[in-house]
Amino acid sequence: MIYCPEEPLAAGEIPALAWRGVTAEGADAGVDRLTLMSLGPPPILQSARDELGALVEGDRKGGARSERWVASVQDGPRTLIYGYFEGRPSAKTPVSCSGSPAARRSH
């Protein structure tokens, strides 16, 4: 997978960059990232298709699967679940949440 910069954003006063994951052939890889500009290695907010969650939800609803996404924060060896979404979240969605764990850790 290759990450391509998509657009600059700001998490409050903290500059950030949205990335879109693509395959080597240029197709959508179903993974997005948001990295904050920090003094050290930045925490990374990543959203990806939640295939397992969609499967479980589909079984619960009699086979109807929706496009579910999960957002998580990767901060060194830790991964924290940030939220679940119906459909692909906008790159600006995590930035609009001022209580973001990633925003609290940035410098």
PDB file of N, CA and C in Angstrom:
ATOM      1  N   MET A   1       0.829  -1.164   0.000  1.00  0.00           N
ATOM      2  CA  MET A   1       0.000   0.000   0.000  1.00  0.00           C
ATOM      3  C   MET A   1       0.881   1.237   0.000  1.00  0.00           C
ATOM      4  N   ILE A   2       0.387   2.264  -0.662  1.00  0.00           N
ATOM      5  CA  ILE A   2       1.093   3.534  -0.758  1.00  0.00           C
ATOM      6  C   ILE A   2       0.171   4.606  -0.192  1.00  0.00           C
ATOM      7  N   TYR A   3       0.712   5.495   0.652  1.00  0.00           N
ATOM      8  CA  TYR A   3      -0.076   6.617   1.176  1.00  0.00           C
ATOM      9  C   TYR A   3       0.240   7.867   0.372  1.00  0.00           C
ATOM     10  N   CYS A   4      -0.808   8.516  -0.138  1.00  0.00           N
ATOM     11  CA  CYS A   4      -0.652   9.744  -0.910  1.00  0.00           C
ATOM     12  C   CYS A   4      -1.222  10.905  -0.100  1.00  0.00           C
ATOM     13  N   PRO A   5      -0.488  12.033  -0.015  1.00  0.00           N
ATOM     14  CA  PRO A   5      -1.035  13.178   0.713  1.00  0.00           C
ATOM     15  C   PRO A   5      -2.299  13.661   0.027  1.00  0.00           C
ATOM     16  N   GLU A   6      -3.322  13.953   0.835  1.00  0.00           N
ATOM     17  CA  GLU A   6      -4.596  14.378   0.272  1.00  0.00           C
ATOM     18  C   GLU A   6      -4.859  15.860   0.502  1.00  0.00           C
ATOM     19  N   GLU A   7      -4.732  16.324   1.764  1.00  0.00           N
ATOM     20  CA  GLU A   7      -4.948  17.738   2.037  1.00  0.00           C
ATOM     21  C   GLU A   7      -4.397  18.115   3.404  1.00  0.00           C
ATOM     22  N   PRO A   8      -3.898  19.343   3.527  1.00  0.00           N
ATOM     23  CA  PRO A   8      -3.470  19.823   4.844  1.00  0.00           C
ATOM     24  C   PRO A   8      -4.696  20.226   5.655  1.00  0.00           C
ATOM     25  N   LEU A   9      -4.646  19.985   6.957  1.00  0.00           N
ATOM     26  CA  LEU A   9      -5.737  20.313   7.869  1.00  0.00           C
ATOM     27  C   LEU A   9      -5.147  20.915   9.131  1.00  0.00           C
ATOM     28  N   ALA A  10      -6.009  21.292  10.045  1.00  0.00           N
ATOM     29  CA  ALA A  10      -5.539  21.762  11.352  1.00  0.00           C
ATOM     30  C   ALA A  10      -6.415  21.148  12.431  1.00  0.00           C
ATOM     31  N   ALA A  11      -5.796  20.558  13.437  1.00  0.00           N
ATOM     32  CA  ALA A  11      -6.494  20.034  14.608  1.00  0.00           C
ATOM     33  C   ALA A  11      -6.374  21.110  15.674  1.00  0.00           C
ATOM     34  N   GLY A  12      -7.320  22.034  15.690  1.00  0.00           N
ATOM     35  CA  GLY A  12      -7.184  23.217  16.540  1.00  0.00           C
ATOM     36  C   GLY A  12      -6.082  24.083  15.958  1.00  0.00           C
ATOM     37  N   GLU A  13      -5.033  24.299  16.722  1.00  0.00           N
ATOM     38  CA  GLU A  13      -3.891  25.084  16.241  1.00  0.00           C
ATOM     39  C   GLU A  13      -2.771  24.192  15.721  1.00  0.00           C
ATOM     40  N   ILE A  14      -2.976  22.886  15.716  1.00  0.00           N
ATOM     41  CA  ILE A  14      -1.938  21.928  15.335  1.00  0.00           C
ATOM     42  C   ILE A  14      -2.078  21.572  13.855  1.00  0.00           C
ATOM     43  N   PRO A  15      -1.065  21.823  13.037  1.00  0.00           N
ATOM     44  CA  PRO A  15      -1.156  21.436  11.629  1.00  0.00           C
ATOM     45  C   PRO A  15      -1.138  19.916  11.474  1.00  0.00           C
ATOM     46  N   ALA A  16      -1.914  19.447  10.505  1.00  0.00           N
ATOM     47  CA  ALA A  16      -2.016  18.010  10.251  1.00  0.00           C
ATOM     48  C   ALA A  16      -2.067  17.774   8.746  1.00  0.00           C
ATOM     49  N   LEU A  17      -1.876  16.527   8.340  1.00  0.00           N
ATOM     50  CA  LEU A  17      -1.919  16.164   6.929  1.00  0.00           C
ATOM     51  C   LEU A  17      -2.754  14.902   6.772  1.00  0.00           C
ATOM     52  N   ALA A  18      -3.747  14.949   5.867  1.00  0.00           N
ATOM     53  CA  ALA A  18      -4.587  13.788   5.563  1.00  0.00           C
ATOM     54  C   ALA A  18      -3.939  13.003   4.420  1.00  0.00           C
ATOM     55  N   TRP A  19      -3.940  11.673   4.546  1.00  0.00           N
ATOM     56  CA  TRP A  19      -3.347  10.770   3.557  1.00  0.00           C
ATOM     57  C   TRP A  19      -4.408   9.783   3.095  1.00  0.00           C
ATOM     58  N   ARG A  20      -4.359   9.365   1.818  1.00  0.00           N
ATOM     59  CA  ARG A  20      -5.258   8.341   1.276  1.00  0.00           C
ATOM     60  C   ARG A  20      -4.412   7.143   0.869  1.00  0.00           C
ATOM     61  N   GLY A  21      -4.798   5.962   1.322  1.00  0.00           N
ATOM     62  CA  GLY A  21      -4.091   4.736   0.960  1.00  0.00           C
ATOM     63  C   GLY A  21      -4.546   4.234  -0.403  1.00  0.00           C
ATOM     64  N   VAL A  22      -3.593   3.909  -1.260  1.00  0.00           N
ATOM     65  CA  VAL A  22      -3.898   3.351  -2.579  1.00  0.00           C
ATOM     66  C   VAL A  22      -3.038   2.111  -2.803  1.00  0.00           C
ATOM     67  N   THR A  23      -3.506   1.242  -3.680  1.00  0.00           N
ATOM     68  CA  THR A  23      -2.732   0.064  -4.040  1.00  0.00           C
ATOM     69  C   THR A  23      -1.661   0.461  -5.056  1.00  0.00           C
ATOM     70  N   ALA A  24      -0.753  -0.444  -5.352  1.00  0.00           N
ATOM     71  CA  ALA A  24       0.299  -0.167  -6.345  1.00  0.00           C
ATOM     72  C   ALA A  24      -0.303   0.134  -7.716  1.00  0.00           C
ATOM     73  N   GLU A  25      -1.522  -0.384  -7.973  1.00  0.00           N
ATOM     74  CA  GLU A  25      -2.194  -0.137  -9.250  1.00  0.00           C
ATOM     75  C   GLU A  25      -2.954   1.181  -9.250  1.00  0.00           C
ATOM     76  N   GLY A  26      -3.015   1.870  -8.098  1.00  0.00           N
ATOM     77  CA  GLY A  26      -3.703   3.150  -8.011  1.00  0.00           C
ATOM     78  C   GLY A  26      -5.141   3.069  -7.530  1.00  0.00           C
ATOM     79  N   ALA A  27      -5.613   1.867  -7.177  1.00  0.00           N
ATOM     80  CA  ALA A  27      -6.986   1.717  -6.686  1.00  0.00           C
ATOM     81  C   ALA A  27      -7.063   2.094  -5.208  1.00  0.00           C
ATOM     82  N   ASP A  28      -8.240   2.445  -4.771  1.00  0.00           N
ATOM     83  CA  ASP A  28      -8.482   2.782  -3.365  1.00  0.00           C
ATOM     84  C   ASP A  28      -8.187   1.567  -2.487  1.00  0.00           C
ATOM     85  N   ALA A  29      -7.338   1.743  -1.475  1.00  0.00           N
ATOM     86  CA  ALA A  29      -6.984   0.633  -0.571  1.00  0.00           C
ATOM     87  C   ALA A  29      -7.914   0.556   0.628  1.00  0.00           C
ATOM     88  N   GLY A  30      -8.821   1.513   0.773  1.00  0.00           N
ATOM     89  CA  GLY A  30      -9.758   1.484   1.886  1.00  0.00           C
ATOM     90  C   GLY A  30      -9.137   1.842   3.216  1.00  0.00           C
ATOM     91  N   VAL A  31      -8.064   2.638   3.201  1.00  0.00           N
ATOM     92  CA  VAL A  31      -7.394   3.064   4.427  1.00  0.00           C
ATOM     93  C   VAL A  31      -6.992   4.532   4.269  1.00  0.00           C
ATOM     94  N   ASP A  32      -7.292   5.334   5.286  1.00  0.00           N
ATOM     95  CA  ASP A  32      -6.901   6.737   5.309  1.00  0.00           C
ATOM     96  C   ASP A  32      -6.112   6.992   6.581  1.00  0.00           C
ATOM     97  N   ARG A  33      -5.281   8.029   6.579  1.00  0.00           N
ATOM     98  CA  ARG A  33      -4.499   8.399   7.762  1.00  0.00           C
ATOM     99  C   ARG A  33      -4.532   9.905   7.953  1.00  0.00           C
ATOM    100  N   LEU A  34      -4.344  10.295   9.207  1.00  0.00           N
ATOM    101  CA  LEU A  34      -4.171  11.695   9.558  1.00  0.00           C
ATOM    102  C   LEU A  34      -2.957  11.758  10.460  1.00  0.00           C
ATOM    103  N   THR A  35      -1.944  12.519  10.055  1.00  0.00           N
ATOM    104  CA  THR A  35      -0.751  12.660  10.891  1.00  0.00           C
ATOM    105  C   THR A  35      -0.644  14.114  11.339  1.00  0.00           C
ATOM    106  N   LEU A  36      -0.282  14.284  12.605  1.00  0.00           N
ATOM    107  CA  LEU A  36      -0.090  15.608  13.168  1.00  0.00           C
ATOM    108  C   LEU A  36       1.374  15.988  13.060  1.00  0.00           C
ATOM    109  N   MET A  37       1.646  17.253  12.883  1.00  0.00           N
ATOM    110  CA  MET A  37       3.023  17.737  12.863  1.00  0.00           C
ATOM    111  C   MET A  37       3.470  17.845  14.318  1.00  0.00           C
ATOM    112  N   SER A  38       4.487  17.083  14.691  1.00  0.00           N
ATOM    113  CA  SER A  38       4.933  17.064  16.084  1.00  0.00           C
ATOM    114  C   SER A  38       6.458  17.060  16.137  1.00  0.00           C
ATOM    115  N   LEU A  39       6.984  17.263  17.332  1.00  0.00           N
ATOM    116  CA  LEU A  39       8.434  17.300  17.510  1.00  0.00           C
ATOM    117  C   LEU A  39       9.055  15.911  17.390  1.00  0.00           C
ATOM    118  N   GLY A  40       8.337  14.887  17.810  1.00  0.00           N
ATOM    119  CA  GLY A  40       8.817  13.507  17.730  1.00  0.00           C
ATOM    120  C   GLY A  40       7.973  12.736  16.733  1.00  0.00           C
ATOM    121  N   PRO A  41       8.061  11.410  16.780  1.00  0.00           N
ATOM    122  CA  PRO A  41       7.201  10.607  15.900  1.00  0.00           C
ATOM    123  C   PRO A  41       5.733  10.930  16.198  1.00  0.00           C
ATOM    124  N   PRO A  42       4.962  11.269  15.177  1.00  0.00           N
ATOM    125  CA  PRO A  42       3.586  11.700  15.431  1.00  0.00           C
ATOM    126  C   PRO A  42       2.656  10.531  15.723  1.00  0.00           C
ATOM    127  N   PRO A  43       1.657  10.767  16.582  1.00  0.00           N
ATOM    128  CA  PRO A  43       0.590   9.775  16.677  1.00  0.00           C
ATOM    129  C   PRO A  43      -0.146   9.766  15.340  1.00  0.00           C
ATOM    130  N   ILE A  44      -0.653   8.635  14.926  1.00  0.00           N
ATOM    131  CA  ILE A  44      -1.319   8.507  13.628  1.00  0.00           C
ATOM    132  C   ILE A  44      -2.762   8.099  13.855  1.00  0.00           C
ATOM    133  N   LEU A  45      -3.698   8.880  13.334  1.00  0.00           N
ATOM    134  CA  LEU A  45      -5.092   8.490  13.344  1.00  0.00           C
ATOM    135  C   LEU A  45      -5.366   7.809  12.015  1.00  0.00           C
ATOM    136  N   GLN A  46      -5.818   6.568  12.062  1.00  0.00           N
ATOM    137  CA  GLN A  46      -6.055   5.803  10.842  1.00  0.00           C
ATOM    138  C   GLN A  46      -7.494   5.336  10.814  1.00  0.00           C
ATOM    139  N   SER A  47      -8.153   5.451   9.670  1.00  0.00           N
ATOM    140  CA  SER A  47      -9.482   4.882   9.488  1.00  0.00           C
ATOM    141  C   SER A  47      -9.399   3.849   8.370  1.00  0.00           C
ATOM    142  N   ALA A  48     -10.096   2.741   8.579  1.00  0.00           N
ATOM    143  CA  ALA A  48     -10.059   1.648   7.608  1.00  0.00           C
ATOM    144  C   ALA A  48     -11.411   0.931   7.600  1.00  0.00           C
ATOM    145  N   ARG A  49     -11.677   0.239   6.521  1.00  0.00           N
ATOM    146  CA  ARG A  49     -12.899  -0.564   6.460  1.00  0.00           C
ATOM    147  C   ARG A  49     -12.887  -1.570   7.610  1.00  0.00           C
ATOM    148  N   ASP A  50     -14.015  -1.697   8.271  1.00  0.00           N
ATOM    149  CA  ASP A  50     -14.170  -2.645   9.370  1.00  0.00           C
ATOM    150  C   ASP A  50     -14.901  -3.873   8.838  1.00  0.00           C
ATOM    151  N   GLU A  51     -14.161  -4.730   8.155  1.00  0.00           N
ATOM    152  CA  GLU A  51     -14.771  -5.907   7.515  1.00  0.00           C
ATOM    153  C   GLU A  51     -15.414  -6.840   8.537  1.00  0.00           C
ATOM    154  N   LEU A  52     -14.747  -7.073   9.664  1.00  0.00           N
ATOM    155  CA  LEU A  52     -15.299  -7.958  10.687  1.00  0.00           C
ATOM    156  C   LEU A  52     -16.567  -7.355  11.296  1.00  0.00           C
ATOM    157  N   GLY A  53     -16.515  -6.076  11.630  1.00  0.00           N
ATOM    158  CA  GLY A  53     -17.697  -5.412  12.184  1.00  0.00           C
ATOM    159  C   GLY A  53     -18.870  -5.441  11.219  1.00  0.00           C
ATOM    160  N   ALA A  54     -18.613  -5.225   9.929  1.00  0.00           N
ATOM    161  CA  ALA A  54     -19.667  -5.257   8.915  1.00  0.00           C
ATOM    162  C   ALA A  54     -20.258  -6.661   8.802  1.00  0.00           C
ATOM    163  N   LEU A  55     -19.425  -7.679   8.898  1.00  0.00           N
ATOM    164  CA  LEU A  55     -19.892  -9.058   8.835  1.00  0.00           C
ATOM    165  C   LEU A  55     -20.789  -9.386  10.022  1.00  0.00           C
ATOM    166  N   VAL A  56     -20.348  -9.018  11.222  1.00  0.00           N
ATOM    167  CA  VAL A  56     -21.131  -9.272  12.440  1.00  0.00           C
ATOM    168  C   VAL A  56     -22.452  -8.510  12.374  1.00  0.00           C
ATOM    169  N   GLU A  57     -22.399  -7.238  11.982  1.00  0.00           N
ATOM    170  CA  GLU A  57     -23.611  -6.426  11.872  1.00  0.00           C
ATOM    171  C   GLU A  57     -24.560  -7.011  10.834  1.00  0.00           C
ATOM    172  N   GLY A  58     -24.011  -7.506   9.719  1.00  0.00           N
ATOM    173  CA  GLY A  58     -24.833  -8.126   8.685  1.00  0.00           C
ATOM    174  C   GLY A  58     -25.528  -9.371   9.187  1.00  0.00           C
ATOM    175  N   ASP A  59     -24.824 -10.205   9.959  1.00  0.00           N
ATOM    176  CA  ASP A  59     -25.434 -11.402  10.542  1.00  0.00           C
ATOM    177  C   ASP A  59     -26.554 -11.016  11.501  1.00  0.00           C
ATOM    178  N   ARG A  60     -26.328  -9.957  12.243  1.00  0.00           N
ATOM    179  CA  ARG A  60     -27.327  -9.500  13.215  1.00  0.00           C
ATOM    180  C   ARG A  60     -28.576  -8.966  12.517  1.00  0.00           C
ATOM    181  N   LYS A  61     -28.401  -8.382  11.336  1.00  0.00           N
ATOM    182  CA  LYS A  61     -29.513  -7.790  10.587  1.00  0.00           C
ATOM    183  C   LYS A  61     -30.019  -8.707   9.474  1.00  0.00           C
ATOM    184  N   GLY A  62     -29.701  -9.977   9.539  1.00  0.00           N
ATOM    185  CA  GLY A  62     -30.208 -10.907   8.542  1.00  0.00           C
ATOM    186  C   GLY A  62     -29.499 -10.871   7.213  1.00  0.00           C
ATOM    187  N   GLY A  63     -28.218 -10.547   7.215  1.00  0.00           N
ATOM    188  CA  GLY A  63     -27.412 -10.622   5.994  1.00  0.00           C
ATOM    189  C   GLY A  63     -27.154  -9.303   5.297  1.00  0.00           C
ATOM    190  N   ALA A  64     -27.844  -8.228   5.672  1.00  0.00           N
ATOM    191  CA  ALA A  64     -27.633  -6.930   5.024  1.00  0.00           C
ATOM    192  C   ALA A  64     -26.367  -6.281   5.584  1.00  0.00           C
ATOM    193  N   ARG A  65     -25.329  -6.200   4.752  1.00  0.00           N
ATOM    194  CA  ARG A  65     -24.060  -5.605   5.199  1.00  0.00           C
ATOM    195  C   ARG A  65     -23.980  -4.149   4.803  1.00  0.00           C
ATOM    196  N   SER A  66     -23.519  -3.333   5.731  1.00  0.00           N
ATOM    197  CA  SER A  66     -23.291  -1.919   5.444  1.00  0.00           C
ATOM    198  C   SER A  66     -21.785  -1.683   5.383  1.00  0.00           C
ATOM    199  N   GLU A  67     -21.399  -0.530   4.876  1.00  0.00           N
ATOM    200  CA  GLU A  67     -19.971  -0.194   4.828  1.00  0.00           C
ATOM    201  C   GLU A  67     -19.599   0.459   6.155  1.00  0.00           C
ATOM    202  N   ARG A  68     -18.956  -0.314   7.014  1.00  0.00           N
ATOM    203  CA  ARG A  68     -18.536   0.174   8.320  1.00  0.00           C
ATOM    204  C   ARG A  68     -17.049   0.482   8.302  1.00  0.00           C
ATOM    205  N   TRP A  69     -16.673   1.532   9.016  1.00  0.00           N
ATOM    206  CA  TRP A  69     -15.275   1.933   9.135  1.00  0.00           C
ATOM    207  C   TRP A  69     -14.942   2.078  10.606  1.00  0.00           C
ATOM    208  N   VAL A  70     -13.695   1.824  10.948  1.00  0.00           N
ATOM    209  CA  VAL A  70     -13.217   2.013  12.316  1.00  0.00           C
ATOM    210  C   VAL A  70     -12.014   2.957  12.270  1.00  0.00           C
ATOM    211  N   ALA A  71     -11.983   3.879  13.219  1.00  0.00           N
ATOM    212  CA  ALA A  71     -10.849   4.808  13.326  1.00  0.00           C
ATOM    213  C   ALA A  71     -10.081   4.473  14.594  1.00  0.00           C
ATOM    214  N   SER A  72      -8.755   4.456  14.487  1.00  0.00           N
ATOM    215  CA  SER A  72      -7.913   4.140  15.641  1.00  0.00           C
ATOM    216  C   SER A  72      -6.713   5.082  15.661  1.00  0.00           C
ATOM    217  N   VAL A  73      -6.177   5.263  16.851  1.00  0.00           N
ATOM    218  CA  VAL A  73      -4.987   6.092  17.018  1.00  0.00           C
ATOM    219  C   VAL A  73      -3.821   5.165  17.317  1.00  0.00           C
ATOM    220  N   GLN A  74      -2.785   5.240  16.494  1.00  0.00           N
ATOM    221  CA  GLN A  74      -1.560   4.476  16.720  1.00  0.00           C
ATOM    222  C   GLN A  74      -0.552   5.421  17.343  1.00  0.00           C
ATOM    223  N   ASP A  75      -0.172   5.104  18.567  1.00  0.00           N
ATOM    224  CA  ASP A  75       0.751   5.958  19.307  1.00  0.00           C
ATOM    225  C   ASP A  75       1.842   5.065  19.876  1.00  0.00           C
ATOM    226  N   GLY A  76       2.928   4.930  19.131  1.00  0.00           N
ATOM    227  CA  GLY A  76       3.989   4.009  19.545  1.00  0.00           C
ATOM    228  C   GLY A  76       3.453   2.586  19.537  1.00  0.00           C
ATOM    229  N   PRO A  77       3.636   1.841  20.632  1.00  0.00           N
ATOM    230  CA  PRO A  77       3.182   0.454  20.659  1.00  0.00           C
ATOM    231  C   PRO A  77       1.683   0.308  20.945  1.00  0.00           C
ATOM    232  N   ARG A  78       1.001   1.413  21.261  1.00  0.00           N
ATOM    233  CA  ARG A  78      -0.418   1.344  21.613  1.00  0.00           C
ATOM    234  C   ARG A  78      -1.307   1.676  20.420  1.00  0.00           C
ATOM    235  N   THR A  79      -2.449   0.982  20.337  1.00  0.00           N
ATOM    236  CA  THR A  79      -3.490   1.315  19.378  1.00  0.00           C
ATOM    237  C   THR A  79      -4.778   1.512  20.166  1.00  0.00           C
ATOM    238  N   LEU A  80      -5.384   2.685  20.040  1.00  0.00           N
ATOM    239  CA  LEU A  80      -6.613   3.014  20.742  1.00  0.00           C
ATOM    240  C   LEU A  80      -7.740   3.164  19.724  1.00  0.00           C
ATOM    241  N   ILE A  81      -8.896   2.536  19.983  1.00  0.00           N
ATOM    242  CA  ILE A  81     -10.045   2.701  19.100  1.00  0.00           C
ATOM    243  C   ILE A  81     -10.611   4.092  19.319  1.00  0.00           C
ATOM    244  N   TYR A  82     -10.784   4.830  18.251  1.00  0.00           N
ATOM    245  CA  TYR A  82     -11.237   6.213  18.304  1.00  0.00           C
ATOM    246  C   TYR A  82     -12.734   6.312  18.034  1.00  0.00           C
ATOM    247  N   GLY A  83     -13.247   5.512  17.079  1.00  0.00           N
ATOM    248  CA  GLY A  83     -14.673   5.565  16.769  1.00  0.00           C
ATOM    249  C   GLY A  83     -15.047   4.627  15.641  1.00  0.00           C
ATOM    250  N   TYR A  84     -16.345   4.376  15.510  1.00  0.00           N
ATOM    251  CA  TYR A  84     -16.899   3.556  14.438  1.00  0.00           C
ATOM    252  C   TYR A  84     -17.798   4.435  13.589  1.00  0.00           C
ATOM    253  N   PHE A  85     -17.812   4.194  12.272  1.00  0.00           N
ATOM    254  CA  PHE A  85     -18.568   5.026  11.352  1.00  0.00           C
ATOM    255  C   PHE A  85     -19.343   4.162  10.369  1.00  0.00           C
ATOM    256  N   GLU A  86     -20.522   4.633   9.974  1.00  0.00           N
ATOM    257  CA  GLU A  86     -21.251   4.045   8.848  1.00  0.00           C
ATOM    258  C   GLU A  86     -20.764   4.794   7.621  1.00  0.00           C
ATOM    259  N   GLY A  87     -20.045   4.138   6.747  1.00  0.00           N
ATOM    260  CA  GLY A  87     -19.466   4.791   5.577  1.00  0.00           C
ATOM    261  C   GLY A  87     -18.119   5.421   5.912  1.00  0.00           C
ATOM    262  N   ARG A  88     -17.398   5.803   4.882  1.00  0.00           N
ATOM    263  CA  ARG A  88     -16.057   6.368   5.046  1.00  0.00           C
ATOM    264  C   ARG A  88     -16.129   7.752   5.683  1.00  0.00           C
ATOM    265  N   PRO A  89     -15.428   7.945   6.814  1.00  0.00           N
ATOM    266  CA  PRO A  89     -15.452   9.270   7.429  1.00  0.00           C
ATOM    267  C   PRO A  89     -14.625  10.267   6.620  1.00  0.00           C
ATOM    268  N   SER A  90     -15.026  11.505   6.655  1.00  0.00           N
ATOM    269  CA  SER A  90     -14.282  12.577   6.006  1.00  0.00           C
ATOM    270  C   SER A  90     -12.954  12.752   6.733  1.00  0.00           C
ATOM    271  N   ALA A  91     -11.948  13.217   6.029  1.00  0.00           N
ATOM    272  CA  ALA A  91     -10.651  13.479   6.672  1.00  0.00           C
ATOM    273  C   ALA A  91     -10.811  14.524   7.768  1.00  0.00           C
ATOM    274  N   LYS A  92     -11.809  15.397   7.656  1.00  0.00           N
ATOM    275  CA  LYS A  92     -12.018  16.450   8.642  1.00  0.00           C
ATOM    276  C   LYS A  92     -12.777  15.962   9.877  1.00  0.00           C
ATOM    277  N   THR A  93     -13.383  14.789   9.826  1.00  0.00           N
ATOM    278  CA  THR A  93     -14.160  14.286  10.965  1.00  0.00           C
ATOM    279  C   THR A  93     -13.325  14.194  12.233  1.00  0.00           C
ATOM    280  N   PRO A  94     -12.143  13.533  12.221  1.00  0.00           N
ATOM    281  CA  PRO A  94     -11.385  13.447  13.466  1.00  0.00           C
ATOM    282  C   PRO A  94     -10.868  14.790  13.953  1.00  0.00           C
ATOM    283  N   VAL A  95     -10.594  15.698  13.032  1.00  0.00           N
ATOM    284  CA  VAL A  95     -10.060  16.998  13.406  1.00  0.00           C
ATOM    285  C   VAL A  95     -11.116  17.806  14.141  1.00  0.00           C
ATOM    286  N   SER A  96     -12.389  17.613  13.792  1.00  0.00           N
ATOM    287  CA  SER A  96     -13.449  18.400  14.408  1.00  0.00           C
ATOM    288  C   SER A  96     -13.706  17.984  15.853  1.00  0.00           C
ATOM    289  N   CYS A  97     -13.183  16.862  16.278  1.00  0.00           N
ATOM    290  CA  CYS A  97     -13.376  16.387  17.646  1.00  0.00           C
ATOM    291  C   CYS A  97     -12.215  16.884  18.495  1.00  0.00           C
ATOM    292  N   SER A  98     -12.426  17.942  19.236  1.00  0.00           N
ATOM    293  CA  SER A  98     -11.318  18.550  19.974  1.00  0.00           C
ATOM    294  C   SER A  98     -10.779  17.652  21.069  1.00  0.00           C
ATOM    295  N   GLY A  99     -11.536  16.639  21.481  1.00  0.00           N
ATOM    296  CA  GLY A  99     -11.064  15.737  22.527  1.00  0.00           C
ATOM    297  C   GLY A  99     -10.228  14.594  21.984  1.00  0.00           C
ATOM    298  N   SER A 100      -9.772  14.693  20.754  1.00  0.00           N
ATOM    299  CA  SER A 100      -9.005  13.629  20.119  1.00  0.00           C
ATOM    300  C   SER A 100      -7.766  13.267  20.922  1.00  0.00           C
ATOM    301  N   PRO A 101      -7.542  11.962  21.179  1.00  0.00           N
ATOM    302  CA  PRO A 101      -6.305  11.570  21.861  1.00  0.00           C
ATOM    303  C   PRO A 101      -5.069  12.017  21.089  1.00  0.00           C
ATOM    304  N   ALA A 102      -5.153  12.015  19.765  1.00  0.00           N
ATOM    305  CA  ALA A 102      -4.001  12.434  18.968  1.00  0.00           C
ATOM    306  C   ALA A 102      -3.698  13.905  19.199  1.00  0.00           C
ATOM    307  N   ALA A 103      -4.736  14.735  19.296  1.00  0.00           N
ATOM    308  CA  ALA A 103      -4.525  16.160  19.505  1.00  0.00           C
ATOM    309  C   ALA A 103      -3.916  16.430  20.879  1.00  0.00           C
ATOM    310  N   ARG A 104      -4.288  15.635  21.867  1.00  0.00           N
ATOM    311  CA  ARG A 104      -3.755  15.838  23.213  1.00  0.00           C
ATOM    312  C   ARG A 104      -2.264  15.499  23.275  1.00  0.00           C
ATOM    313  N   ARG A 105      -1.782  14.578  22.435  1.00  0.00           N
ATOM    314  CA  ARG A 105      -0.397  14.136  22.499  1.00  0.00           C
ATOM    315  C   ARG A 105       0.522  14.959  21.611  1.00  0.00           C
ATOM    316  N   SER A 106      -0.009  15.768  20.728  1.00  0.00           N
ATOM    317  CA  SER A 106       0.850  16.484  19.787  1.00  0.00           C
ATOM    318  C   SER A 106       1.552  17.644  20.493  1.00  0.00           C
ATOM    319  N   HIS A 107       2.590  18.174  19.832  1.00  0.00           N
ATOM    320  CA  HIS A 107       3.385  19.264  20.415  1.00  0.00           C
ATOM    321  C   HIS A 107       3.241  20.505  19.572  1.00  0.00           C
TER     322      HIS A 107
END
